PDB file of N, CA and C in Angstrom:
ATOM      1  N   MET A   1      -7.955  83.223-153.915  1.00  0.00           N
ATOM      2  CA  MET A   1      -7.377  84.375-153.281  1.00  0.00           C
ATOM      3  C   MET A   1      -7.540  84.333-151.765  1.00  0.00           C
ATOM      4  N   THR A   2      -8.641  83.792-151.264  1.00  0.00           N
ATOM      5  CA  THR A   2      -8.835  83.781-149.817  1.00  0.00           C
ATOM      6  C   THR A   2      -7.822  82.881-149.127  1.00  0.00           C
ATOM      7  N   GLY A   3      -7.390  81.819-149.786  1.00  0.00           N
ATOM      8  CA  GLY A   3      -6.383  80.947-149.194  1.00  0.00           C
ATOM      9  C   GLY A   3      -5.073  81.675-148.969  1.00  0.00           C
ATOM     10  N   THR A   4      -4.680  82.508-149.893  1.00  0.00           N
ATOM     11  CA  THR A   4      -3.448  83.267-149.761  1.00  0.00           C
ATOM     12  C   THR A   4      -3.540  84.268-148.617  1.00  0.00           C
ATOM     13  N   ASN A   5      -4.672  84.955-148.512  1.00  0.00           N
ATOM     14  CA  ASN A   5      -4.864  85.924-147.438  1.00  0.00           C
ATOM     15  C   ASN A   5      -4.861  85.225-146.080  1.00  0.00           C
ATOM     16  N   SER A   6      -5.498  84.076-146.015  1.00  0.00           N
ATOM     17  CA  SER A   6      -5.536  83.302-144.780  1.00  0.00           C
ATOM     18  C   SER A   6      -4.137  82.836-144.382  1.00  0.00           C
ATOM     19  N   THR A   7      -3.364  82.384-145.347  1.00  0.00           N
ATOM     20  CA  THR A   7      -1.993  81.944-145.083  1.00  0.00           C
ATOM     21  C   THR A   7      -1.143  83.101-144.592  1.00  0.00           C
ATOM     22  N   LYS A   8      -1.348  84.277-145.161  1.00  0.00           N
ATOM     23  CA  LYS A   8      -0.593  85.459-144.745  1.00  0.00           C
ATOM     24  C   LYS A   8      -0.919  85.820-143.298  1.00  0.00           C
ATOM     25  N   LYS A   9      -2.210  85.713-142.915  1.00  0.00           N
ATOM     26  CA  LYS A   9      -2.598  85.996-141.529  1.00  0.00           C
ATOM     27  C   LYS A   9      -1.943  85.020-140.569  1.00  0.00           C
ATOM     28  N   ILE A  10      -1.888  83.757-140.962  1.00  0.00           N
ATOM     29  CA  ILE A  10      -1.264  82.743-140.109  1.00  0.00           C
ATOM     30  C   ILE A  10       0.220  83.045-139.956  1.00  0.00           C
ATOM     31  N   ALA A  11       0.883  83.392-141.051  1.00  0.00           N
ATOM     32  CA  ALA A  11       2.312  83.693-140.987  1.00  0.00           C
ATOM     33  C   ALA A  11       2.565  84.910-140.099  1.00  0.00           C
ATOM     34  N   ILE A  12       1.760  85.943-140.210  1.00  0.00           N
ATOM     35  CA  ILE A  12       1.922  87.135-139.381  1.00  0.00           C
ATOM     36  C   ILE A  12       1.688  86.792-137.914  1.00  0.00           C
ATOM     37  N   ASP A  13       0.713  85.935-137.630  1.00  0.00           N
ATOM     38  CA  ASP A  13       0.442  85.509-136.254  1.00  0.00           C
ATOM     39  C   ASP A  13       1.662  84.823-135.648  1.00  0.00           C
ATOM     40  N   LYS A  14       2.303  83.954-136.387  1.00  0.00           N
ATOM     41  CA  LYS A  14       3.486  83.245-135.876  1.00  0.00           C
ATOM     42  C   LYS A  14       4.639  84.220-135.650  1.00  0.00           C
ATOM     43  N   ILE A  15       4.817  85.177-136.556  1.00  0.00           N
ATOM     44  CA  ILE A  15       5.865  86.183-136.388  1.00  0.00           C
ATOM     45  C   ILE A  15       5.606  87.014-135.136  1.00  0.00           C
ATOM     46  N   LEU A  16       4.339  87.364-134.904  1.00  0.00           N
ATOM     47  CA  LEU A  16       4.004  88.129-133.699  1.00  0.00           C
ATOM     48  C   LEU A  16       4.286  87.325-132.434  1.00  0.00           C
ATOM     49  N   HIS A  17       3.941  86.038-132.441  1.00  0.00           N
ATOM     50  CA  HIS A  17       4.233  85.182-131.287  1.00  0.00           C
ATOM     51  C   HIS A  17       5.734  85.133-131.040  1.00  0.00           C
ATOM     52  N   PHE A  18       6.508  84.955-132.103  1.00  0.00           N
ATOM     53  CA  PHE A  18       7.960  84.910-131.998  1.00  0.00           C
ATOM     54  C   PHE A  18       8.501  86.211-131.400  1.00  0.00           C
ATOM     55  N   CYS A  19       8.089  87.338-131.966  1.00  0.00           N
ATOM     56  CA  CYS A  19       8.613  88.646-131.537  1.00  0.00           C
ATOM     57  C   CYS A  19       8.230  88.979-130.104  1.00  0.00           C
ATOM     58  N   VAL A  20       6.990  88.730-129.746  1.00  0.00           N
ATOM     59  CA  VAL A  20       6.545  89.051-128.388  1.00  0.00           C
ATOM     60  C   VAL A  20       7.311  88.216-127.364  1.00  0.00           C
ATOM     61  N   CYS A  21       7.470  86.931-127.607  1.00  0.00           N
ATOM     62  CA  CYS A  21       8.188  86.088-126.644  1.00  0.00           C
ATOM     63  C   CYS A  21       9.672  86.441-126.591  1.00  0.00           C
ATOM     64  N   MET A  22      10.245  86.819-127.723  1.00  0.00           N
ATOM     65  CA  MET A  22      11.635  87.239-127.716  1.00  0.00           C
ATOM     66  C   MET A  22      11.794  88.501-126.867  1.00  0.00           C
ATOM     67  N   LEU A  23      10.910  89.463-127.057  1.00  0.00           N
ATOM     68  CA  LEU A  23      10.974  90.701-126.283  1.00  0.00           C
ATOM     69  C   LEU A  23      10.684  90.474-124.800  1.00  0.00           C
ATOM     70  N   LEU A  24       9.751  89.570-124.509  1.00  0.00           N
ATOM     71  CA  LEU A  24       9.463  89.253-123.104  1.00  0.00           C
ATOM     72  C   LEU A  24      10.681  88.640-122.416  1.00  0.00           C
ATOM     73  N   ALA A  25      11.333  87.713-123.095  1.00  0.00           N
ATOM     74  CA  ALA A  25      12.513  87.072-122.515  1.00  0.00           C
ATOM     75  C   ALA A  25      13.616  88.095-122.285  1.00  0.00           C
ATOM     76  N   MET A  26      13.809  88.992-123.228  1.00  0.00           N
ATOM     77  CA  MET A  26      14.858  90.008-123.094  1.00  0.00           C
ATOM     78  C   MET A  26      14.512  91.019-122.000  1.00  0.00           C
ATOM     79  N   SER A  27      13.274  91.488-121.978  1.00  0.00           N
ATOM     80  CA  SER A  27      12.907  92.510-120.995  1.00  0.00           C
ATOM     81  C   SER A  27      12.901  91.949-119.578  1.00  0.00           C
ATOM     82  N   TRP A  28      12.414  90.738-119.407  1.00  0.00           N
ATOM     83  CA  TRP A  28      12.424  90.140-118.076  1.00  0.00           C
ATOM     84  C   TRP A  28      13.857  89.933-117.616  1.00  0.00           C
ATOM     85  N   GLY A  29      14.732  89.561-118.546  1.00  0.00           N
ATOM     86  CA  GLY A  29      16.139  89.416-118.208  1.00  0.00           C
ATOM     87  C   GLY A  29      16.744  90.719-117.728  1.00  0.00           C
ATOM     88  N   CYS A  30      16.335  91.821-118.320  1.00  0.00           N
ATOM     89  CA  CYS A  30      16.840  93.137-117.896  1.00  0.00           C
ATOM     90  C   CYS A  30      16.274  93.531-116.538  1.00  0.00           C
ATOM     91  N   MET A  31      15.068  93.110-116.229  1.00  0.00           N
ATOM     92  CA  MET A  31      14.438  93.506-114.962  1.00  0.00           C
ATOM     93  C   MET A  31      15.007  92.753-113.768  1.00  0.00           C
ATOM     94  N   VAL A  32      15.500  91.551-113.977  1.00  0.00           N
ATOM     95  CA  VAL A  32      16.019  90.760-112.858  1.00  0.00           C
ATOM     96  C   VAL A  32      17.532  90.601-112.962  1.00  0.00           C
ATOM     97  N   ILE A  33      18.197  91.634-113.435  1.00  0.00           N
ATOM     98  CA  ILE A  33      19.635  91.583-113.685  1.00  0.00           C
ATOM     99  C   ILE A  33      20.454  91.427-112.405  1.00  0.00           C
ATOM    100  N   HIS A  34      19.874  91.720-111.266  1.00  0.00           N
ATOM    101  CA  HIS A  34      20.601  91.663-109.999  1.00  0.00           C
ATOM    102  C   HIS A  34      20.884  90.232-109.533  1.00  0.00           C
ATOM    103  N   ILE A  35      20.237  89.236-110.121  1.00  0.00           N
ATOM    104  CA  ILE A  35      20.500  87.850-109.722  1.00  0.00           C
ATOM    105  C   ILE A  35      21.574  87.258-110.637  1.00  0.00           C
ATOM    106  N   GLN A  36      21.983  86.046-110.370  1.00  0.00           N
ATOM    107  CA  GLN A  36      23.060  85.420-111.144  1.00  0.00           C
ATOM    108  C   GLN A  36      22.709  85.327-112.620  1.00  0.00           C
ATOM    109  N   ARG A  37      23.730  85.419-113.455  1.00  0.00           N
ATOM    110  CA  ARG A  37      23.532  85.514-114.899  1.00  0.00           C
ATOM    111  C   ARG A  37      22.722  84.362-115.484  1.00  0.00           C
ATOM    112  N   TYR A  38      23.074  83.130-115.142  1.00  0.00           N
ATOM    113  CA  TYR A  38      22.355  82.006-115.734  1.00  0.00           C
ATOM    114  C   TYR A  38      20.896  81.974-115.282  1.00  0.00           C
ATOM    115  N   LYS A  39      20.624  82.466-114.080  1.00  0.00           N
ATOM    116  CA  LYS A  39      19.246  82.520-113.600  1.00  0.00           C
ATOM    117  C   LYS A  39      18.451  83.583-114.355  1.00  0.00           C
ATOM    118  N   VAL A  40      19.121  84.678-114.725  1.00  0.00           N
ATOM    119  CA  VAL A  40      18.458  85.726-115.501  1.00  0.00           C
ATOM    120  C   VAL A  40      17.978  85.160-116.827  1.00  0.00           C
ATOM    121  N   ILE A  41      18.835  84.397-117.476  1.00  0.00           N
ATOM    122  CA  ILE A  41      18.483  83.810-118.773  1.00  0.00           C
ATOM    123  C   ILE A  41      17.332  82.822-118.611  1.00  0.00           C
ATOM    124  N   ALA A  42      17.398  81.988-117.593  1.00  0.00           N
ATOM    125  CA  ALA A  42      16.328  81.018-117.342  1.00  0.00           C
ATOM    126  C   ALA A  42      15.018  81.716-116.989  1.00  0.00           C
ATOM    127  N   CYS A  43      15.091  82.761-116.176  1.00  0.00           N
ATOM    128  CA  CYS A  43      13.880  83.503-115.786  1.00  0.00           C
ATOM    129  C   CYS A  43      13.221  84.139-117.008  1.00  0.00           C
ATOM    130  N   GLY A  44      14.020  84.734-117.877  1.00  0.00           N
ATOM    131  CA  GLY A  44      13.469  85.347-119.082  1.00  0.00           C
ATOM    132  C   GLY A  44      12.777  84.329-119.968  1.00  0.00           C
ATOM    133  N   PHE A  45      13.415  83.169-120.154  1.00  0.00           N
ATOM    134  CA  PHE A  45      12.826  82.110-120.972  1.00  0.00           C
ATOM    135  C   PHE A  45      11.516  81.620-120.365  1.00  0.00           C
ATOM    136  N   LEU A  46      11.549  81.321-119.078  1.00  0.00           N
ATOM    137  CA  LEU A  46      10.350  80.797-118.413  1.00  0.00           C
ATOM    138  C   LEU A  46       9.207  81.811-118.415  1.00  0.00           C
ATOM    139  N   PHE A  47       9.523  83.079-118.176  1.00  0.00           N
ATOM    140  CA  PHE A  47       8.502  84.117-118.184  1.00  0.00           C
ATOM    141  C   PHE A  47       7.821  84.187-119.554  1.00  0.00           C
ATOM    142  N   ALA A  48       8.611  84.193-120.616  1.00  0.00           N
ATOM    143  CA  ALA A  48       8.050  84.274-121.969  1.00  0.00           C
ATOM    144  C   ALA A  48       7.180  83.052-122.270  1.00  0.00           C
ATOM    145  N   MET A  49       7.635  81.868-121.881  1.00  0.00           N
ATOM    146  CA  MET A  49       6.866  80.650-122.164  1.00  0.00           C
ATOM    147  C   MET A  49       5.582  80.592-121.345  1.00  0.00           C
ATOM    148  N   ILE A  50       5.630  81.052-120.116  1.00  0.00           N
ATOM    149  CA  ILE A  50       4.417  81.064-119.289  1.00  0.00           C
ATOM    150  C   ILE A  50       3.371  81.988-119.911  1.00  0.00           C
ATOM    151  N   ILE A  51       3.794  83.168-120.347  1.00  0.00           N
ATOM    152  CA  ILE A  51       2.865  84.090-120.993  1.00  0.00           C
ATOM    153  C   ILE A  51       2.297  83.472-122.273  1.00  0.00           C
ATOM    154  N   GLY A  52       3.151  82.838-123.063  1.00  0.00           N
ATOM    155  CA  GLY A  52       2.690  82.183-124.295  1.00  0.00           C
ATOM    156  C   GLY A  52       1.676  81.081-124.012  1.00  0.00           C
ATOM    157  N   LEU A  53       1.951  80.260-123.008  1.00  0.00           N
ATOM    158  CA  LEU A  53       1.022  79.184-122.647  1.00  0.00           C
ATOM    159  C   LEU A  53      -0.297  79.738-122.115  1.00  0.00           C
ATOM    160  N   LEU A  54      -0.215  80.772-121.279  1.00  0.00           N
ATOM    161  CA  LEU A  54      -1.444  81.376-120.757  1.00  0.00           C
ATOM    162  C   LEU A  54      -2.289  81.966-121.881  1.00  0.00           C
ATOM    163  N   LYS A  55      -1.635  82.550-122.868  1.00  0.00           N
ATOM    164  CA  LYS A  55      -2.373  83.122-123.999  1.00  0.00           C
ATOM    165  C   LYS A  55      -3.103  82.023-124.771  1.00  0.00           C
ATOM    166  N   GLU A  56      -2.444  80.901-124.980  1.00  0.00           N
ATOM    167  CA  GLU A  56      -3.089  79.791-125.692  1.00  0.00           C
ATOM    168  C   GLU A  56      -4.215  79.184-124.861  1.00  0.00           C
ATOM    169  N   LEU A  57      -4.029  79.088-123.554  1.00  0.00           N
ATOM    170  CA  LEU A  57      -5.110  78.597-122.695  1.00  0.00           C
ATOM    171  C   LEU A  57      -6.299  79.538-122.733  1.00  0.00           C
ATOM    172  N   TYR A  58      -6.029  80.839-122.714  1.00  0.00           N
ATOM    173  CA  TYR A  58      -7.103  81.833-122.821  1.00  0.00           C
ATOM    174  C   TYR A  58      -7.849  81.657-124.145  1.00  0.00           C
ATOM    175  N   ASP A  59      -7.108  81.489-125.226  1.00  0.00           N
ATOM    176  CA  ASP A  59      -7.744  81.280-126.532  1.00  0.00           C
ATOM    177  C   ASP A  59      -8.659  80.056-126.509  1.00  0.00           C
ATOM    178  N   SER A  60      -8.172  78.961-125.918  1.00  0.00           N
ATOM    179  CA  SER A  60      -8.965  77.732-125.917  1.00  0.00           C
ATOM    180  C   SER A  60     -10.198  77.837-125.027  1.00  0.00           C
ATOM    181  N   MET A  61     -10.137  78.688-124.010  1.00  0.00           N
ATOM    182  CA  MET A  61     -11.277  78.838-123.104  1.00  0.00           C
ATOM    183  C   MET A  61     -12.300  79.856-123.605  1.00  0.00           C
ATOM    184  N   THR A  62     -11.927  80.639-124.598  1.00  0.00           N
ATOM    185  CA  THR A  62     -12.841  81.665-125.107  1.00  0.00           C
ATOM    186  C   THR A  62     -13.307  81.365-126.529  1.00  0.00           C
ATOM    187  N   GLY A  63     -13.331  80.112-126.891  1.00  0.00           N
ATOM    188  CA  GLY A  63     -13.880  79.716-128.180  1.00  0.00           C
ATOM    189  C   GLY A  63     -12.854  79.533-129.279  1.00  0.00           C
ATOM    190  N   GLY A  64     -11.610  79.873-129.013  1.00  0.00           N
ATOM    191  CA  GLY A  64     -10.550  79.662-130.003  1.00  0.00           C
ATOM    192  C   GLY A  64      -9.991  78.263-129.863  1.00  0.00           C
ATOM    193  N   LYS A  65      -8.824  78.055-130.444  1.00  0.00           N
ATOM    194  CA  LYS A  65      -8.193  76.744-130.306  1.00  0.00           C
ATOM    195  C   LYS A  65      -6.789  76.897-129.744  1.00  0.00           C
ATOM    196  N   PHE A  66      -6.361  75.887-129.026  1.00  0.00           N
ATOM    197  CA  PHE A  66      -4.996  75.822-128.513  1.00  0.00           C
ATOM    198  C   PHE A  66      -4.110  75.434-129.685  1.00  0.00           C
ATOM    199  N   ASP A  67      -3.229  76.331-130.101  1.00  0.00           N
ATOM    200  CA  ASP A  67      -2.434  76.129-131.315  1.00  0.00           C
ATOM    201  C   ASP A  67      -0.992  75.796-130.946  1.00  0.00           C
ATOM    202  N   TRP A  68      -0.599  74.561-131.227  1.00  0.00           N
ATOM    203  CA  TRP A  68       0.759  74.129-130.922  1.00  0.00           C
ATOM    204  C   TRP A  68       1.791  74.858-131.774  1.00  0.00           C
ATOM    205  N   GLU A  69       1.408  75.286-132.964  1.00  0.00           N
ATOM    206  CA  GLU A  69       2.343  76.049-133.798  1.00  0.00           C
ATOM    207  C   GLU A  69       2.654  77.401-133.154  1.00  0.00           C
ATOM    208  N   ASP A  70       1.672  77.989-132.481  1.00  0.00           N
ATOM    209  CA  ASP A  70       1.928  79.225-131.738  1.00  0.00           C
ATOM    210  C   ASP A  70       2.896  78.968-130.585  1.00  0.00           C
ATOM    211  N   ILE A  71       2.734  77.844-129.921  1.00  0.00           N
ATOM    212  CA  ILE A  71       3.637  77.488-128.820  1.00  0.00           C
ATOM    213  C   ILE A  71       5.058  77.303-129.345  1.00  0.00           C
ATOM    214  N   ILE A  72       5.194  76.693-130.514  1.00  0.00           N
ATOM    215  CA  ILE A  72       6.525  76.521-131.109  1.00  0.00           C
ATOM    216  C   ILE A  72       7.135  77.883-131.435  1.00  0.00           C
ATOM    217  N   ALA A  73       6.333  78.783-132.006  1.00  0.00           N
ATOM    218  CA  ALA A  73       6.820  80.135-132.300  1.00  0.00           C
ATOM    219  C   ALA A  73       7.208  80.850-131.006  1.00  0.00           C
ATOM    220  N   ASP A  74       6.423  80.666-129.944  1.00  0.00           N
ATOM    221  CA  ASP A  74       6.755  81.234-128.636  1.00  0.00           C
ATOM    222  C   ASP A  74       8.088  80.681-128.125  1.00  0.00           C
ATOM    223  N   PHE A  75       8.253  79.380-128.255  1.00  0.00           N
ATOM    224  CA  PHE A  75       9.470  78.709-127.786  1.00  0.00           C
ATOM    225  C   PHE A  75      10.700  79.235-128.513  1.00  0.00           C
ATOM    226  N   VAL A  76      10.615  79.330-129.832  1.00  0.00           N
ATOM    227  CA  VAL A  76      11.748  79.817-130.616  1.00  0.00           C
ATOM    228  C   VAL A  76      12.056  81.271-130.260  1.00  0.00           C
ATOM    229  N   GLY A  77      11.022  82.087-130.083  1.00  0.00           N
ATOM    230  CA  GLY A  77      11.229  83.472-129.688  1.00  0.00           C
ATOM    231  C   GLY A  77      11.866  83.585-128.316  1.00  0.00           C
ATOM    232  N   ALA A  78      11.404  82.759-127.374  1.00  0.00           N
ATOM    233  CA  ALA A  78      11.979  82.769-126.025  1.00  0.00           C
ATOM    234  C   ALA A  78      13.433  82.314-126.051  1.00  0.00           C
ATOM    235  N   ILE A  79      13.747  81.336-126.870  1.00  0.00           N
ATOM    236  CA  ILE A  79      15.136  80.876-127.021  1.00  0.00           C
ATOM    237  C   ILE A  79      16.003  81.992-127.590  1.00  0.00           C
ATOM    238  N   MET A  80      15.508  82.673-128.619  1.00  0.00           N
ATOM    239  CA  MET A  80      16.287  83.749-129.239  1.00  0.00           C
ATOM    240  C   MET A  80      16.495  84.910-128.262  1.00  0.00           C
ATOM    241  N   GLY A  81      15.462  85.275-127.525  1.00  0.00           N
ATOM    242  CA  GLY A  81      15.602  86.330-126.523  1.00  0.00           C
ATOM    243  C   GLY A  81      16.583  85.949-125.434  1.00  0.00           C
ATOM    244  N   SER A  82      16.531  84.706-125.009  1.00  0.00           N
ATOM    245  CA  SER A  82      17.467  84.218-123.988  1.00  0.00           C
ATOM    246  C   SER A  82      18.884  84.174-124.540  1.00  0.00           C
ATOM    247  N   ALA A  83      19.038  83.772-125.796  1.00  0.00           N
ATOM    248  CA  ALA A  83      20.363  83.745-126.420  1.00  0.00           C
ATOM    249  C   ALA A  83      20.935  85.160-126.527  1.00  0.00           C
ATOM    250  N   PHE A  84      20.087  86.118-126.837  1.00  0.00           N
ATOM    251  CA  PHE A  84      20.532  87.505-126.897  1.00  0.00           C
ATOM    252  C   PHE A  84      21.012  87.962-125.519  1.00  0.00           C
ATOM    253  N   MET A  85      20.238  87.642-124.479  1.00  0.00           N
ATOM    254  CA  MET A  85      20.631  88.022-123.124  1.00  0.00           C
ATOM    255  C   MET A  85      21.937  87.329-122.730  1.00  0.00           C
ATOM    256  N   PHE A  86      22.114  86.092-123.151  1.00  0.00           N
ATOM    257  CA  PHE A  86      23.370  85.374-122.900  1.00  0.00           C
ATOM    258  C   PHE A  86      24.532  86.152-123.510  1.00  0.00           C
ATOM    259  N   CYS A  87      24.362  86.583-124.760  1.00  0.00           N
ATOM    260  CA  CYS A  87      25.418  87.344-125.441  1.00  0.00           C
ATOM    261  C   CYS A  87      25.694  88.663-124.720  1.00  0.00           C
ATOM    262  N   VAL A  88      24.651  89.327-124.281  1.00  0.00           N
ATOM    263  CA  VAL A  88      24.825  90.602-123.582  1.00  0.00           C
ATOM    264  C   VAL A  88      25.610  90.391-122.288  1.00  0.00           C
ATOM    265  N   PHE A  89      25.259  89.362-121.521  1.00  0.00           N
ATOM    266  CA  PHE A  89      25.894  89.148-120.223  1.00  0.00           C
ATOM    267  C   PHE A  89      27.301  88.588-120.318  1.00  0.00           C
ATOM    268  N   TYR A  90      27.579  87.779-121.347  1.00  0.00           N
ATOM    269  CA  TYR A  90      28.855  87.083-121.377  1.00  0.00           C
ATOM    270  C   TYR A  90      29.860  87.665-122.361  1.00  0.00           C
ATOM    271  N   PHE A  91      29.414  88.417-123.346  1.00  0.00           N
ATOM    272  CA  PHE A  91      30.337  88.916-124.355  1.00  0.00           C
ATOM    273  C   PHE A  91      30.480  90.435-124.369  1.00  0.00           C
ATOM    274  N   VAL A  92      29.687  91.124-123.569  1.00  0.00           N
ATOM    275  CA  VAL A  92      29.783  92.599-123.553  1.00  0.00           C
ATOM    276  C   VAL A  92      30.348  93.046-122.229  1.00  0.00           C
TER     277      VAL A  92
END
């Protein structure tokens, strides 16, 4: 039973990484809307990835481990948030 609970915690952690980076990419894109559209998308992506990387570095410096799977979840979330911003800017 403990293996199942542990797996569920890991899955929830990855979902949280995905969601937070997606929201960061979208919100940063909304905050810097005054610059060119493609730069807004790039800024949102980079902002989300920087926060994700800093979080993993913090984890590794405070006794945790640097988790590449979290970075992948961050990357996918940042891509999805940037794709959403692309749709907002180009199709609406």
